């Protein structure tokens, strides 16, 4: 039997591909979702702790070889417990399992936290790269990006923002002002980011922003942002089970999701109450050609809202690349069967 390799959190980070490759992996994932991937909606159970989640995310990407040898198959198990940070623990914990696509043998098990952060930021980067309205791109001033939240996801987005929008001006906000200030200081030293500062409110962060990235998925207030605060032609990227993008924004914007069936299944719960059916998926737009432009928005405001809840296929694609790099670097250790 093939060896089963365990790759720790530190080793996953050491084997993480550079940003350019991460963006390519994210784009490959989104295109596959619009074409030949096999991905059921997240399978979840409900822990007792308020607001918590536990999801299984199996996925299959079909390669070109007829015998399936180039396929990727695996699954992610992720839990989210919003009370954890108060105890000094991460809100999310994740493990990813990869299997041989021909024999089904387990190949690797690895920590999923760094992969979750990296693949999510790379998908946001792909969205910004392809869907930022042309009317906004033509403005010769530096781009202005608002980042809502100052946790792990916000941090993982910083180098991607600097890469896809070099010279950008970043404004950060968080319920914890100290944490927002600390991340703004970190952002100021991130390659590609021209300047960064913490602000005291969501409104101050998003007004006059070209791109809004919202990473707030836990807390007492849902859909708290007023669309009137947003300018024309803004690209709003809502990460995970985001709480800031209101249903009113989804109804008046060109509304895009990462995977349609998963979003529709999730909409049955309280998070996306009042949201319309999506206009398109990321993969459909990447495969069809030109990105949506402002006149496609029903209100004429030219706004685009992209909600990506996270798909197990992205974790499998990233984990497969990390496994290959780990083998090259001699990282990880065999586990007994």
Protein backbone atom coordinates (compact mmCIF):
# COMPACT_ATOMS: atom_id res chain seq x y z
CA UNK A 1 0.00 0.00 0.00
CA UNK A 2 1.08 3.58 -0.55
CA UNK A 3 2.37 5.46 2.52
CA UNK A 4 -0.04 7.63 4.48
CA UNK A 5 1.68 10.94 5.19
CA UNK A 6 0.81 13.24 8.08
CA UNK A 7 1.63 16.91 7.49
CA UNK A 8 1.51 19.22 10.50
CA UNK A 9 0.31 22.83 10.56
CA UNK A 10 3.86 24.18 10.45
CA UNK A 11 4.75 21.86 7.56
CA UNK A 12 1.62 22.88 5.64
CA UNK A 13 2.71 26.51 5.94
CA UNK A 14 6.26 25.61 4.85
CA UNK A 15 4.94 23.80 1.77
CA UNK A 16 2.40 26.49 0.83
CA UNK A 17 2.84 27.56 -2.83
CA UNK A 18 3.66 31.22 -3.59
CA UNK A 19 0.82 33.67 -4.20
CA UNK A 20 1.03 33.46 -7.99
CA UNK A 21 0.48 29.69 -7.85
CA UNK A 22 -2.24 30.02 -5.20
CA UNK A 23 -4.21 32.31 -7.50
CA UNK A 24 -3.83 29.78 -10.32
CA UNK A 25 -5.06 26.97 -8.04
CA UNK A 26 -8.05 29.08 -6.98
CA UNK A 27 -8.94 29.86 -10.58
CA UNK A 28 -8.59 26.21 -11.54
CA UNK A 29 -10.99 25.31 -8.73
CA UNK A 30 -13.61 27.86 -9.74
CA UNK A 31 -13.45 26.86 -13.40
CA UNK A 32 -13.82 23.19 -12.44
CA UNK A 33 -16.93 24.01 -10.43
CA UNK A 34 -18.46 25.40 -13.61
CA UNK A 35 -17.50 22.36 -15.64
CA UNK A 36 -16.51 18.90 -14.34
CA UNK A 37 -16.22 18.81 -10.54
CA UNK A 38 -18.30 16.68 -8.19
CA UNK A 39 -19.22 18.65 -5.07
CA UNK A 40 -22.25 18.11 -2.82
CA UNK A 41 -23.42 20.88 -0.47
CA UNK A 42 -21.68 20.84 2.91
CA UNK A 43 -22.83 18.02 5.19
CA UNK A 44 -23.28 19.47 8.68
CA UNK A 45 -24.15 18.62 12.24
CA UNK A 46 -25.04 21.09 14.97
CA UNK A 47 -22.91 21.22 18.15
CA UNK A 48 -24.51 22.53 21.35
CA UNK A 49 -22.48 25.75 21.56
CA UNK A 50 -24.42 28.75 20.18
CA UNK A 51 -23.51 29.66 16.61
CA UNK A 52 -21.14 26.72 16.20
CA UNK A 53 -20.83 24.48 13.15
CA UNK A 54 -19.27 21.20 12.06
CA UNK A 55 -19.09 20.43 8.33
CA UNK A 56 -17.83 17.59 6.15
CA UNK A 57 -16.82 18.73 2.65
CA UNK A 58 -16.04 15.92 0.16
CA UNK A 59 -14.95 16.82 -3.37
CA UNK A 60 -13.73 15.33 -6.65
CA UNK A 61 -11.96 17.08 -9.53
CA UNK A 62 -11.81 15.10 -12.75
CA UNK A 63 -8.51 15.23 -14.63
CA UNK A 64 -7.89 14.54 -18.31
CA UNK A 65 -6.65 10.93 -18.00
CA UNK A 66 -9.39 8.41 -18.85
CA UNK A 67 -8.26 6.05 -16.08
CA UNK A 68 -8.77 8.72 -13.42
CA UNK A 69 -5.11 8.85 -12.45
CA UNK A 70 -5.08 12.65 -12.74
CA UNK A 71 -8.22 13.11 -10.66
CA UNK A 72 -8.10 14.72 -7.21
CA UNK A 73 -10.29 13.30 -4.46
CA UNK A 74 -10.51 14.15 -0.78
CA UNK A 75 -12.51 15.75 2.00
CA UNK A 76 -12.26 18.46 4.62
CA UNK A 77 -13.65 18.32 8.16
CA UNK A 78 -14.05 21.75 9.72
CA UNK A 79 -15.54 23.01 12.97
CA UNK A 80 -16.30 26.59 13.94
CA UNK A 81 -16.91 27.65 17.55
CA UNK A 82 -17.40 31.42 17.99
CA UNK A 83 -16.63 31.40 21.72
CA UNK A 84 -13.14 29.96 21.20
CA UNK A 85 -11.20 33.24 20.80
CA UNK A 86 -12.26 34.31 24.30
CA UNK A 87 -10.54 31.15 25.56
CA UNK A 88 -7.40 31.79 23.53
CA UNK A 89 -8.31 29.21 20.88
CA UNK A 90 -8.84 29.63 17.11
CA UNK A 91 -12.48 29.90 16.07
CA UNK A 92 -11.98 27.28 13.34
CA UNK A 93 -10.23 23.90 13.29
CA UNK A 94 -9.85 21.82 10.14
CA UNK A 95 -8.31 18.59 8.86
CA UNK A 96 -7.99 17.55 5.20
CA UNK A 97 -7.78 13.97 3.92
CA UNK A 98 -6.57 13.08 0.43
CA UNK A 99 -7.12 9.69 -1.25
CA UNK A 100 -5.64 7.96 -4.28
CA UNK A 101 -8.10 8.55 -7.16
CA UNK A 102 -7.58 5.08 -8.67
CA UNK A 103 -7.43 2.81 -5.62
CA UNK A 104 -9.06 4.94 -2.92
CA UNK A 105 -6.11 4.47 -0.55
CA UNK A 106 -5.66 7.37 1.89
CA UNK A 107 -2.57 9.31 0.87
CA UNK A 108 -2.29 12.19 3.33
CA UNK A 109 -3.90 13.81 6.32
CA UNK A 110 -2.95 17.39 7.10
CA UNK A 111 -3.89 20.37 9.21
CA UNK A 112 -6.38 22.52 7.33
CA UNK A 113 -6.19 25.91 9.06
CA UNK A 114 -3.51 27.47 6.84
CA UNK A 115 -5.10 25.92 3.74
CA UNK A 116 -8.51 27.35 4.65
CA UNK A 117 -7.02 30.82 5.05
CA UNK A 118 -4.88 30.65 1.90
CA UNK A 119 -7.47 29.20 -0.47
CA UNK A 120 -10.14 31.64 0.72
CA UNK A 121 -7.89 34.65 0.16
CA UNK A 122 -6.82 33.30 -3.23
CA UNK A 123 -10.44 32.97 -4.34
CA UNK A 124 -11.05 36.57 -3.26
CA UNK A 125 -7.95 37.54 -5.25
CA UNK A 126 -9.29 35.73 -8.32
CA UNK A 127 -12.59 37.59 -7.94
CA UNK A 128 -10.82 40.96 -7.69
CA UNK A 129 -8.56 40.17 -10.63
CA UNK A 130 -11.43 39.23 -12.96
CA UNK A 131 -14.56 41.02 -11.71
CA UNK A 132 -13.48 44.51 -10.62
CA UNK A 133 -15.63 46.73 -12.88
CA UNK A 134 -13.78 48.35 -15.76
CA UNK A 135 -15.13 51.76 -14.76
CA UNK A 136 -13.24 51.36 -11.49
CA UNK A 137 -10.06 50.03 -13.07
CA UNK A 138 -9.87 53.04 -15.39
CA UNK A 139 -9.53 55.44 -12.46
CA UNK A 140 -5.84 56.34 -12.29
CA UNK A 141 -5.69 56.86 -8.53
CA UNK A 142 -4.64 54.01 -6.22
CA UNK A 143 -7.38 51.49 -5.48
CA UNK A 144 -9.08 51.77 -2.08
CA UNK A 145 -9.87 48.52 -0.26
CA UNK A 146 -11.95 48.18 2.90
CA UNK A 147 -11.31 45.10 5.05
CA UNK A 148 -14.02 44.35 7.60
CA UNK A 149 -12.73 42.24 10.47
CA UNK A 150 -9.17 41.78 11.69
CA UNK A 151 -8.96 38.05 12.33
CA UNK A 152 -7.16 35.21 10.56
CA UNK A 153 -9.05 35.61 7.29
CA UNK A 154 -8.37 39.34 7.14
CA UNK A 155 -4.68 38.69 7.75
CA UNK A 156 -4.49 36.05 5.01
CA UNK A 157 -6.05 38.47 2.51
CA UNK A 158 -3.40 41.19 2.95
CA UNK A 159 -0.62 39.72 0.76
CA UNK A 160 -3.18 38.81 -1.90
CA UNK A 161 -4.56 42.36 -1.92
CA UNK A 162 -1.04 43.72 -2.30
CA UNK A 163 -0.34 41.29 -5.16
CA UNK A 164 -3.47 41.87 -7.26
CA UNK A 165 -3.85 45.61 -6.49
CA UNK A 166 -0.32 46.97 -6.00
CA UNK A 167 -0.18 50.39 -4.37
CA UNK A 168 -3.63 50.02 -2.86
CA UNK A 169 -4.84 52.00 0.16
CA UNK A 170 -6.36 49.76 2.84
CA UNK A 171 -8.77 50.71 5.60
CA UNK A 172 -9.44 48.14 8.34
CA UNK A 173 -12.08 47.98 11.02
CA UNK A 174 -12.92 45.48 13.75
CA UNK A 175 -15.03 45.39 16.90
CA UNK A 176 -11.69 45.19 18.73
CA UNK A 177 -9.96 48.49 17.91
CA UNK A 178 -6.63 47.27 19.27
CA UNK A 179 -6.67 44.26 16.98
CA UNK A 180 -7.58 46.44 14.00
CA UNK A 181 -4.68 48.83 14.73
CA UNK A 182 -2.25 45.94 15.03
CA UNK A 183 -3.35 44.46 11.71
CA UNK A 184 -3.15 47.89 10.04
CA UNK A 185 0.46 48.09 11.18
CA UNK A 186 1.09 44.65 9.70
CA UNK A 187 -0.66 45.65 6.47
CA UNK A 188 1.56 48.72 6.13
CA UNK A 189 4.58 46.42 5.91
CA UNK A 190 2.97 44.01 3.43
CA UNK A 191 4.45 43.99 -0.06
CA UNK A 192 2.23 45.77 -2.58
CA UNK A 193 0.11 47.68 -0.06
CA UNK A 194 0.72 51.41 -0.37
CA UNK A 195 -0.81 52.45 2.94
CA UNK A 196 -3.10 51.06 5.65
CA UNK A 197 -4.93 52.49 8.61
CA UNK A 198 -7.53 51.37 11.14
CA UNK A 199 -10.85 53.21 11.29
CA UNK A 200 -13.55 53.15 13.94
CA UNK A 201 -16.61 51.98 12.00
CA UNK A 202 -17.80 49.89 9.08
CA UNK A 203 -19.26 52.99 7.47
CA UNK A 204 -15.96 54.87 7.59
CA UNK A 205 -14.18 51.85 6.11
CA UNK A 206 -16.50 51.28 3.15
CA UNK A 207 -17.35 54.84 2.08
CA UNK A 208 -15.48 55.62 -1.17
CA UNK A 209 -13.97 52.09 -1.26
CA UNK A 210 -13.52 50.41 -4.64
CA UNK A 211 -13.38 46.93 -3.10
CA UNK A 212 -14.88 45.75 0.18
CA UNK A 213 -13.73 42.45 1.69
CA UNK A 214 -15.89 41.39 4.61
CA UNK A 215 -14.57 38.59 6.82
CA UNK A 216 -17.04 38.94 9.70
CA UNK A 217 -18.79 35.58 10.05
CA UNK A 218 -19.48 35.39 13.80
CA UNK A 219 -21.24 37.82 16.13
CA UNK A 220 -24.59 39.18 17.30
CA UNK A 221 -25.45 41.47 14.36
CA UNK A 222 -26.28 40.17 10.90
CA UNK A 223 -26.60 42.17 7.68
CA UNK A 224 -25.73 45.42 9.46
CA UNK A 225 -24.28 47.40 6.54
CA UNK A 226 -26.35 50.04 4.75
CA UNK A 227 -25.92 49.78 0.94
CA UNK A 228 -26.23 53.58 0.76
CA UNK A 229 -22.73 53.75 2.26
CA UNK A 230 -21.30 52.10 -0.87
CA UNK A 231 -20.25 53.95 -4.00
CA UNK A 232 -21.07 53.14 -7.61
CA UNK A 233 -19.13 50.29 -9.17
CA UNK A 234 -17.96 48.79 -5.87
CA UNK A 235 -16.96 45.13 -5.76
CA UNK A 236 -18.12 43.61 -2.47
CA UNK A 237 -16.49 40.28 -1.59
CA UNK A 238 -18.28 38.53 1.26
CA UNK A 239 -16.20 35.72 2.77
CA UNK A 240 -17.67 32.62 4.38
CA UNK A 241 -20.92 33.14 6.33
CA UNK A 242 -20.48 36.88 6.19
CA UNK A 243 -22.75 39.01 8.36
CA UNK A 244 -22.28 42.45 6.81
CA UNK A 245 -23.64 42.17 3.25
CA UNK A 246 -27.41 42.73 3.57
CA UNK A 247 -30.09 41.10 1.47
CA UNK A 248 -30.87 44.56 0.04
CA UNK A 249 -27.37 44.69 -1.48
CA UNK A 250 -27.76 41.20 -2.97
CA UNK A 251 -31.08 42.24 -4.55
CA UNK A 252 -29.74 45.38 -6.21
CA UNK A 253 -26.27 44.17 -7.19
CA UNK A 254 -25.10 41.64 -9.74
CA UNK A 255 -25.01 38.70 -7.33
CA UNK A 256 -22.41 35.94 -7.71
CA UNK A 257 -21.68 32.86 -5.56
CA UNK A 258 -18.98 30.21 -5.62
CA UNK A 259 -21.34 27.21 -5.85
CA UNK A 260 -25.05 27.61 -6.51
CA UNK A 261 -26.50 24.49 -4.86
CA UNK A 262 -24.48 25.03 -1.71
CA UNK A 263 -25.66 28.63 -1.43
CA UNK A 264 -29.29 27.69 -2.00
CA UNK A 265 -29.07 24.97 0.65
CA UNK A 266 -27.52 27.44 3.10
CA UNK A 267 -30.13 30.10 2.33
CA UNK A 268 -32.72 27.86 4.00
CA UNK A 269 -31.13 28.92 7.31
CA UNK A 270 -31.11 32.38 8.94
CA UNK A 271 -27.84 33.77 7.54
CA UNK A 272 -29.05 34.65 4.04
CA UNK A 273 -32.71 35.39 4.71
CA UNK A 274 -34.16 37.55 1.94
CA UNK A 275 -31.31 36.92 -0.53
CA UNK A 276 -32.34 36.36 -4.18
CA UNK A 277 -31.22 33.50 -6.38
CA UNK A 278 -27.67 34.14 -7.67
CA UNK A 279 -27.20 35.72 -11.08
CA UNK A 280 -24.14 33.57 -11.76
CA UNK A 281 -21.33 31.58 -10.19
CA UNK A 282 -17.66 32.54 -10.25
CA UNK A 283 -16.87 29.55 -12.45
CA UNK A 284 -19.62 30.32 -14.94
CA UNK A 285 -18.32 33.86 -15.40
CA UNK A 286 -14.71 32.70 -15.76
CA UNK A 287 -15.73 30.19 -18.42
CA UNK A 288 -18.07 32.52 -20.31
CA UNK A 289 -15.60 35.37 -20.81
CA UNK A 290 -16.11 39.04 -19.94
CA UNK A 291 -16.78 39.95 -16.34
CA UNK A 292 -20.05 41.68 -15.38
CA UNK A 293 -20.06 45.43 -15.94
CA UNK A 294 -21.97 48.17 -14.07
CA UNK A 295 -24.94 48.31 -16.45
CA UNK A 296 -25.79 44.68 -15.57
CA UNK A 297 -26.85 45.79 -12.08
CA UNK A 298 -30.64 46.19 -11.71
CA UNK A 299 -30.32 49.43 -9.76
CA UNK A 300 -27.83 51.02 -12.11
CA UNK A 301 -25.38 51.44 -9.24
CA UNK A 302 -23.00 49.00 -10.91
CA UNK A 303 -22.26 47.05 -7.77
CA UNK A 304 -21.13 43.45 -7.78
CA UNK A 305 -21.57 41.21 -4.73
CA UNK A 306 -19.59 37.97 -4.65
CA UNK A 307 -20.34 35.62 -1.76
CA UNK A 308 -18.02 32.65 -1.44
CA UNK A 309 -18.92 30.27 1.35
CA UNK A 310 -15.91 28.06 0.76
CA UNK A 311 -15.93 24.79 -1.15
CA UNK A 312 -14.18 21.54 -0.30
CA UNK A 313 -12.84 21.34 -3.84
CA UNK A 314 -10.56 24.31 -3.15
CA UNK A 315 -9.18 22.58 -0.06
CA UNK A 316 -8.52 19.38 -2.03
CA UNK A 317 -6.81 21.26 -4.88
CA UNK A 318 -4.59 23.22 -2.46
CA UNK A 319 -3.87 20.16 -0.30
CA UNK A 320 -2.79 18.16 -3.36
CA UNK A 321 -0.32 20.89 -4.34
CA UNK A 322 0.96 21.05 -0.76
CA UNK A 323 1.39 17.26 -0.61
CA UNK A 324 3.53 17.35 -3.77
CA UNK A 325 5.70 20.15 -2.38
CA UNK A 326 5.96 18.43 1.01
CA UNK A 327 7.24 15.25 -0.65
CA UNK A 328 9.83 17.30 -2.58
CA UNK A 329 10.94 19.07 0.62
CA UNK A 330 10.96 15.95 2.76
CA UNK A 331 8.20 17.24 5.05
CA UNK A 332 5.69 15.13 6.90
CA UNK A 333 5.97 11.63 8.38
CA UNK A 334 4.46 8.24 7.51
CA UNK A 335 1.69 6.97 9.76
CA UNK A 336 1.20 3.28 10.60
CA UNK A 337 -1.82 1.62 9.01
